[in-house]
C-alpha atoms as a PDB file:
ATOM      1  CA  MET A   1     -21.020  27.842  -0.887  1.00  0.00           C
ATOM      2  CA  GLN A   2     -21.160  24.261   0.377  1.00  0.00           C
ATOM      3  CA  LYS A   3     -23.157  23.721   3.554  1.00  0.00           C
ATOM      4  CA  PHE A   4     -21.407  22.566   6.698  1.00  0.00           C
ATOM      5  CA  THR A   5     -23.563  20.638   9.151  1.00  0.00           C
ATOM      6  CA  VAL A   6     -21.704  17.542  10.388  1.00  0.00           C
ATOM      7  CA  HIS A   7     -18.429  16.360   8.926  1.00  0.00           C
ATOM      8  CA  THR A   8     -16.288  13.318   9.701  1.00  0.00           C
ATOM      9  CA  GLY A   9     -12.876  12.948   8.133  1.00  0.00           C
ATOM     10  CA  VAL A  10      -9.253  11.947   8.572  1.00  0.00           C
ATOM     11  CA  ALA A  11      -7.345  14.599  10.503  1.00  0.00           C
ATOM     12  CA  VAL A  12      -3.788  15.569   9.647  1.00  0.00           C
ATOM     13  CA  PRO A  13      -1.637  17.260  12.312  1.00  0.00           C
ATOM     14  CA  LEU A  14       0.720  20.137  11.454  1.00  0.00           C
ATOM     15  CA  ASP A  15       2.522  20.712  14.716  1.00  0.00           C
ATOM     16  CA  SER A  16       3.505  24.319  14.060  1.00  0.00           C
ATOM     17  CA  ALA A  17       2.385  27.721  15.286  1.00  0.00           C
ATOM     18  CA  ASN A  18       2.226  30.898  13.185  1.00  0.00           C
ATOM     19  CA  ILE A  19       1.623  29.109   9.875  1.00  0.00           C
ATOM     20  CA  ASP A  20       1.214  32.108   7.596  1.00  0.00           C
ATOM     21  CA  THR A  21      -0.601  32.583   4.312  1.00  0.00           C
ATOM     22  CA  ASP A  22       2.637  32.573   2.313  1.00  0.00           C
ATOM     23  CA  GLN A  23       3.347  29.087   3.634  1.00  0.00           C
ATOM     24  CA  ILE A  24      -0.232  28.043   2.872  1.00  0.00           C
ATOM     25  CA  ILE A  25      -0.097  29.358  -0.717  1.00  0.00           C
ATOM     26  CA  PRO A  26       3.142  31.094  -1.811  1.00  0.00           C
ATOM     27  CA  LYS A  27       2.887  34.375  -3.694  1.00  0.00           C
ATOM     28  CA  GLN A  28       4.097  32.956  -7.036  1.00  0.00           C
ATOM     29  CA  PHE A  29       0.828  31.038  -7.347  1.00  0.00           C
ATOM     30  CA  LEU A  30      -1.486  34.023  -6.911  1.00  0.00           C
ATOM     31  CA  LEU A  31      -1.848  34.723 -10.629  1.00  0.00           C
ATOM     32  CA  ALA A  32      -5.437  33.506 -10.974  1.00  0.00           C
ATOM     33  CA  VAL A  33      -8.430  35.360  -9.571  1.00  0.00           C
ATOM     34  CA  ASP A  34     -10.927  32.490  -9.431  1.00  0.00           C
ATOM     35  CA  ARG A  35     -10.953  29.751  -6.828  1.00  0.00           C
ATOM     36  CA  ASN A  36      -9.835  26.805  -8.935  1.00  0.00           C
ATOM     37  CA  GLY A  37      -6.477  25.047  -9.093  1.00  0.00           C
ATOM     38  CA  PHE A  38      -4.852  26.251  -5.860  1.00  0.00           C
ATOM     39  CA  GLY A  39      -5.065  22.937  -4.001  1.00  0.00           C
ATOM     40  CA  LYS A  40      -2.115  21.541  -5.956  1.00  0.00           C
ATOM     41  CA  HIS A  41       0.103  24.316  -4.603  1.00  0.00           C
ATOM     42  CA  LEU A  42      -0.994  24.106  -0.966  1.00  0.00           C
ATOM     43  CA  PHE A  43       2.047  24.191   1.366  1.00  0.00           C
ATOM     44  CA  HIS A  44       4.287  24.163  -1.717  1.00  0.00           C
ATOM     45  CA  ASP A  45       7.570  24.783   0.117  1.00  0.00           C
ATOM     46  CA  TRP A  46       6.938  21.981   2.626  1.00  0.00           C
ATOM     47  CA  ARG A  47       5.105  19.556   0.391  1.00  0.00           C
ATOM     48  CA  TYR A  48       7.529  19.355  -2.532  1.00  0.00           C
ATOM     49  CA  LEU A  49      11.282  18.922  -2.940  1.00  0.00           C
ATOM     50  CA  ASP A  50      11.396  20.828  -6.229  1.00  0.00           C
ATOM     51  CA  ASP A  51       9.850  23.992  -7.679  1.00  0.00           C
ATOM     52  CA  ALA A  52       8.136  22.013 -10.440  1.00  0.00           C
ATOM     53  CA  GLU A  53       6.150  20.052  -7.814  1.00  0.00           C
ATOM     54  CA  THR A  54       7.147  16.684  -9.247  1.00  0.00           C
ATOM     55  CA  LYS A  55       8.964  15.326  -6.160  1.00  0.00           C
ATOM     56  CA  ASP A  56       6.946  14.915  -2.977  1.00  0.00           C
ATOM     57  CA  ASN A  57       8.598  15.467   0.373  1.00  0.00           C
ATOM     58  CA  PRO A  58       8.023  12.109   2.127  1.00  0.00           C
ATOM     59  CA  GLU A  59       8.564  13.689   5.554  1.00  0.00           C
ATOM     60  CA  PHE A  60       5.654  16.123   5.209  1.00  0.00           C
ATOM     61  CA  ASN A  61       2.471  14.793   6.768  1.00  0.00           C
ATOM     62  CA  LEU A  62       0.190  15.547   3.817  1.00  0.00           C
ATOM     63  CA  ASN A  63       2.320  13.188   1.722  1.00  0.00           C
ATOM     64  CA  LYS A  64       2.180  10.276   4.148  1.00  0.00           C
ATOM     65  CA  PRO A  65      -0.204   7.451   3.210  1.00  0.00           C
ATOM     66  CA  GLU A  66      -1.912   7.407   6.600  1.00  0.00           C
ATOM     67  CA  TYR A  67      -3.183  10.951   5.990  1.00  0.00           C
ATOM     68  CA  LYS A  68      -4.329  10.399   2.417  1.00  0.00           C
ATOM     69  CA  GLY A  69      -7.670  12.091   1.800  1.00  0.00           C
ATOM     70  CA  ALA A  70      -7.460  14.150   4.991  1.00  0.00           C
ATOM     71  CA  THR A  71     -10.246  16.728   5.276  1.00  0.00           C
ATOM     72  CA  ILE A  72      -9.491  18.205   8.693  1.00  0.00           C
ATOM     73  CA  LEU A  73      -6.272  20.045   9.578  1.00  0.00           C
ATOM     74  CA  VAL A  74      -5.071  20.497  13.156  1.00  0.00           C
ATOM     75  CA  ALA A  75      -2.479  23.183  13.913  1.00  0.00           C
ATOM     76  CA  ARG A  76      -1.193  25.419  16.676  1.00  0.00           C
ATOM     77  CA  ASP A  77      -1.683  29.115  17.520  1.00  0.00           C
ATOM     78  CA  ASN A  78      -2.133  31.982  15.072  1.00  0.00           C
ATOM     79  CA  PHE A  79      -2.962  29.933  11.999  1.00  0.00           C
ATOM     80  CA  GLY A  80      -3.274  31.985   8.801  1.00  0.00           C
ATOM     81  CA  ASN A  81      -1.369  35.097   9.857  1.00  0.00           C
ATOM     82  CA  GLY A  82       0.410  37.259   7.291  1.00  0.00           C
ATOM     83  CA  SER A  83      -1.059  38.797   4.151  1.00  0.00           C
ATOM     84  CA  SER A  84      -4.809  38.922   3.678  1.00  0.00           C
ATOM     85  CA  ARG A  85      -4.924  36.739   0.548  1.00  0.00           C
ATOM     86  CA  GLU A  86      -8.246  34.962   0.108  1.00  0.00           C
ATOM     87  CA  HIS A  87      -6.341  32.371  -1.892  1.00  0.00           C
ATOM     88  CA  ALA A  88      -5.311  30.717   1.412  1.00  0.00           C
ATOM     89  CA  PRO A  89      -8.748  29.232   2.189  1.00  0.00           C
ATOM     90  CA  TRP A  90      -9.198  28.555  -1.546  1.00  0.00           C
ATOM     91  CA  ALA A  91      -6.028  26.436  -1.520  1.00  0.00           C
ATOM     92  CA  LEU A  92      -7.023  24.566   1.627  1.00  0.00           C
ATOM     93  CA  MET A  93     -10.474  23.814   0.253  1.00  0.00           C
ATOM     94  CA  GLY A  94      -9.046  22.983  -3.167  1.00  0.00           C
ATOM     95  CA  TYR A  95      -6.937  20.302  -1.520  1.00  0.00           C
ATOM     96  CA  GLY A  96     -10.017  18.906   0.208  1.00  0.00           C
ATOM     97  CA  PHE A  97     -10.047  20.417   3.695  1.00  0.00           C
ATOM     98  CA  ARG A  98     -13.420  21.285   5.206  1.00  0.00           C
ATOM     99  CA  ALA A  99     -12.228  22.460   8.625  1.00  0.00           C
ATOM    100  CA  ILE A 100      -9.188  23.716  10.513  1.00  0.00           C
ATOM    101  CA  ILE A 101      -8.790  23.194  14.260  1.00  0.00           C
ATOM    102  CA  ALA A 102      -6.422  25.498  16.156  1.00  0.00           C
ATOM    103  CA  PRO A 103      -6.278  27.530  19.384  1.00  0.00           C
ATOM    104  CA  SER A 104      -6.322  30.819  17.445  1.00  0.00           C
ATOM    105  CA  PHE A 105      -6.508  32.212  13.925  1.00  0.00           C
ATOM    106  CA  ALA A 106      -5.469  35.453  12.281  1.00  0.00           C
ATOM    107  CA  ASP A 107      -8.602  37.622  12.018  1.00  0.00           C
ATOM    108  CA  ILE A 108      -8.562  38.145   8.244  1.00  0.00           C
ATOM    109  CA  PHE A 109      -7.912  34.469   7.518  1.00  0.00           C
ATOM    110  CA  TYR A 110     -10.675  33.520   9.964  1.00  0.00           C
ATOM    111  CA  ASN A 111     -13.218  35.738   8.220  1.00  0.00           C
ATOM    112  CA  ASN A 112     -12.070  34.723   4.729  1.00  0.00           C
ATOM    113  CA  SER A 113     -12.472  31.067   5.673  1.00  0.00           C
ATOM    114  CA  LEU A 114     -16.005  31.498   6.962  1.00  0.00           C
ATOM    115  CA  GLY A 115     -16.905  33.477   3.849  1.00  0.00           C
ATOM    116  CA  ASN A 116     -15.784  30.593   1.645  1.00  0.00           C
ATOM    117  CA  GLY A 117     -17.215  27.621   3.528  1.00  0.00           C
ATOM    118  CA  LEU A 118     -14.064  26.521   5.369  1.00  0.00           C
ATOM    119  CA  LEU A 119     -14.836  26.091   9.076  1.00  0.00           C
ATOM    120  CA  PRO A 120     -12.189  27.398  11.515  1.00  0.00           C
ATOM    121  CA  VAL A 121     -12.731  25.740  14.894  1.00  0.00           C
ATOM    122  CA  LYS A 122     -11.200  27.385  17.958  1.00  0.00           C
ATOM    123  CA  LEU A 123     -10.368  25.120  20.878  1.00  0.00           C
ATOM    124  CA  THR A 124      -8.129  25.844  23.838  1.00  0.00           C
ATOM    125  CA  ALA A 125      -4.412  25.157  23.561  1.00  0.00           C
ATOM    126  CA  ASP A 126      -4.783  22.288  26.047  1.00  0.00           C
ATOM    127  CA  GLU A 127      -7.632  20.733  24.052  1.00  0.00           C
ATOM    128  CA  VAL A 128      -5.664  20.991  20.811  1.00  0.00           C
ATOM    129  CA  ASP A 129      -2.698  19.414  22.573  1.00  0.00           C
ATOM    130  CA  GLU A 130      -4.887  16.460  23.574  1.00  0.00           C
ATOM    131  CA  ILE A 131      -5.943  16.036  19.943  1.00  0.00           C
ATOM    132  CA  PHE A 132      -2.310  16.098  18.823  1.00  0.00           C
ATOM    133  CA  LYS A 133      -1.514  13.307  21.266  1.00  0.00           C
ATOM    134  CA  VAL A 134      -4.261  11.131  19.783  1.00  0.00           C
ATOM    135  CA  LEU A 135      -3.269  11.888  16.180  1.00  0.00           C
ATOM    136  CA  THR A 136       0.378  11.148  16.955  1.00  0.00           C
ATOM    137  CA  ALA A 137      -0.433   7.862  18.669  1.00  0.00           C
ATOM    138  CA  LYS A 138      -2.995   6.820  16.044  1.00  0.00           C
ATOM    139  CA  PRO A 139      -2.178   8.311  12.631  1.00  0.00           C
ATOM    140  CA  GLY A 140      -5.183   8.343  10.345  1.00  0.00           C
ATOM    141  CA  THR A 141      -7.659   8.946  13.161  1.00  0.00           C
ATOM    142  CA  GLN A 142     -10.925  10.552  12.102  1.00  0.00           C
ATOM    143  CA  ILE A 143     -12.499  13.576  13.753  1.00  0.00           C
ATOM    144  CA  THR A 144     -16.199  14.430  13.734  1.00  0.00           C
ATOM    145  CA  ILE A 145     -17.155  18.110  13.799  1.00  0.00           C
ATOM    146  CA  SER A 146     -20.808  18.994  14.292  1.00  0.00           C
ATOM    147  CA  LEU A 147     -21.678  22.601  13.581  1.00  0.00           C
ATOM    148  CA  GLU A 148     -25.257  21.772  14.508  1.00  0.00           C
ATOM    149  CA  ASN A 149     -24.191  20.806  18.044  1.00  0.00           C
ATOM    150  CA  MET A 150     -20.970  22.874  18.116  1.00  0.00           C
ATOM    151  CA  THR A 151     -18.913  19.827  19.097  1.00  0.00           C
ATOM    152  CA  VAL A 152     -15.653  18.099  18.175  1.00  0.00           C
ATOM    153  CA  ASP A 153     -15.239  14.359  18.762  1.00  0.00           C
ATOM    154  CA  VAL A 154     -11.985  12.481  18.326  1.00  0.00           C
ATOM    155  CA  ASP A 155     -11.393   9.042  19.810  1.00  0.00           C
ATOM    156  CA  SER A 156     -12.733   9.329  23.382  1.00  0.00           C
ATOM    157  CA  LEU A 157     -12.363  13.121  23.489  1.00  0.00           C
ATOM    158  CA  HIS A 158     -15.356  15.456  23.298  1.00  0.00           C
ATOM    159  CA  PHE A 159     -15.088  19.242  23.088  1.00  0.00           C
ATOM    160  CA  LYS A 160     -17.432  22.196  22.630  1.00  0.00           C
ATOM    161  CA  PHE A 161     -16.652  25.265  20.527  1.00  0.00           C
ATOM    162  CA  ASP A 162     -18.306  28.603  19.809  1.00  0.00           C
ATOM    163  CA  LEU A 163     -19.128  30.482  16.629  1.00  0.00           C
ATOM    164  CA  ASP A 164     -20.956  33.743  16.035  1.00  0.00           C
ATOM    165  CA  PRO A 165     -24.664  32.876  15.476  1.00  0.00           C
ATOM    166  CA  PHE A 166     -24.852  34.734  12.141  1.00  0.00           C
ATOM    167  CA  ARG A 167     -21.713  33.013  10.836  1.00  0.00           C
ATOM    168  CA  ARG A 168     -23.023  29.669  12.070  1.00  0.00           C
ATOM    169  CA  HIS A 169     -26.308  30.213  10.240  1.00  0.00           C
ATOM    170  CA  CYS A 170     -24.482  31.074   7.009  1.00  0.00           C
ATOM    171  CA  MET A 171     -22.282  27.979   7.233  1.00  0.00           C
ATOM    172  CA  LEU A 172     -25.207  25.687   8.033  1.00  0.00           C
ATOM    173  CA  GLU A 173     -27.211  27.048   5.104  1.00  0.00           C
ATOM    174  CA  GLY A 174     -24.290  27.446   2.678  1.00  0.00           C
ATOM    175  CA  LEU A 175     -24.800  31.189   2.316  1.00  0.00           C
ATOM    176  CA  ASP A 176     -21.930  33.352   1.095  1.00  0.00           C
ATOM    177  CA  ALA A 177     -22.118  37.132   0.585  1.00  0.00           C
ATOM    178  CA  ILE A 178     -23.692  36.769  -2.860  1.00  0.00           C
ATOM    179  CA  SER A 179     -26.263  34.255  -1.649  1.00  0.00           C
ATOM    180  CA  LEU A 180     -27.226  36.539   1.226  1.00  0.00           C
ATOM    181  CA  THR A 181     -27.739  39.424  -1.184  1.00  0.00           C
ATOM    182  CA  LEU A 182     -29.836  37.286  -3.550  1.00  0.00           C
ATOM    183  CA  GLN A 183     -32.190  36.477  -0.682  1.00  0.00           C
ATOM    184  CA  HIS A 184     -33.342  40.093  -1.050  1.00  0.00           C
ATOM    185  CA  GLN A 185     -33.529  40.053  -4.841  1.00  0.00           C
ATOM    186  CA  GLU A 186     -37.240  40.899  -4.910  1.00  0.00           C
ATOM    187  CA  ASP A 187     -36.730  43.895  -2.599  1.00  0.00           C
ATOM    188  CA  ILE A 188     -33.781  45.069  -4.678  1.00  0.00           C
ATOM    189  CA  SER A 189     -35.783  44.772  -7.915  1.00  0.00           C
ATOM    190  CA  ASN A 190     -38.704  46.678  -6.410  1.00  0.00           C
ATOM    191  CA  TYR A 191     -36.399  49.420  -5.186  1.00  0.00           C
ATOM    192  CA  GLU A 192     -34.827  49.759  -8.628  1.00  0.00           C
ATOM    193  CA  LYS A 193     -38.263  49.940 -10.288  1.00  0.00           C
ATOM    194  CA  ASN A 194     -39.354  52.700  -7.918  1.00  0.00           C
ATOM    195  CA  MET A 195     -36.224  54.805  -8.270  1.00  0.00           C
ATOM    196  CA  ALA A 196     -36.735  58.330  -9.629  1.00  0.00           C
ATOM    197  CA  PRO A 197     -36.043  58.325 -13.410  1.00  0.00           C
ATOM    198  CA  TRP A 198     -33.143  60.748 -13.085  1.00  0.00           C
ATOM    199  CA  ARG A 199     -31.458  58.451 -10.589  1.00  0.00           C
ATOM    200  CA  ALA A 200     -32.181  55.316 -12.605  1.00  0.00           C
ATOM    201  CA  HIS A 201     -30.317  56.832 -15.544  1.00  0.00           C
ATOM    202  CA  GLY A 202     -27.350  57.858 -13.427  1.00  0.00           C
ATOM    203  CA  THR A 203     -27.984  61.597 -13.685  1.00  0.00           C
ATOM    204  CA  VAL A 204     -26.660  63.683 -10.821  1.00  0.00           C
END
């Protein structure tokens, strides 16, 4: 998992609440079980004018030139609600996003994001509204998110956010569930070596 310490990038606003996982990555694209290739289908129904994804919707913010290469997404309440598909953070990261800023997130999406290296940043509704005002007035504005300092800076605005200390540590160090387990590889190997022979061979 890629580390997240400090990131600065163009922020794209999606001024909608209750953006669900089927809008993030529609069910017809959930055929693969690895993490690759989902970025192309991100926000399919909003981003394209045809099912074949050959005609971009010029009105959708991700397709506007001022937001090209955006790596931070700003949205309203309850981002990522709906089904528990892990493909949602995969699609967002596959497109290039490193962080999502919103007043609230669906619990499963929130945890899936942190487990995959996508940082969900919770700010108050008023703080998010201030960010939207800046992004609307100055399209293409960059935001700096410091997980080290737990801060968000955009234009002249400065905000603080919170994150569980264990989750923060994992993000800073780039540790996913597998990496955390491998930190104890020596202990696991020693335990397996010292198992009773009947257990080591799977005998009940």
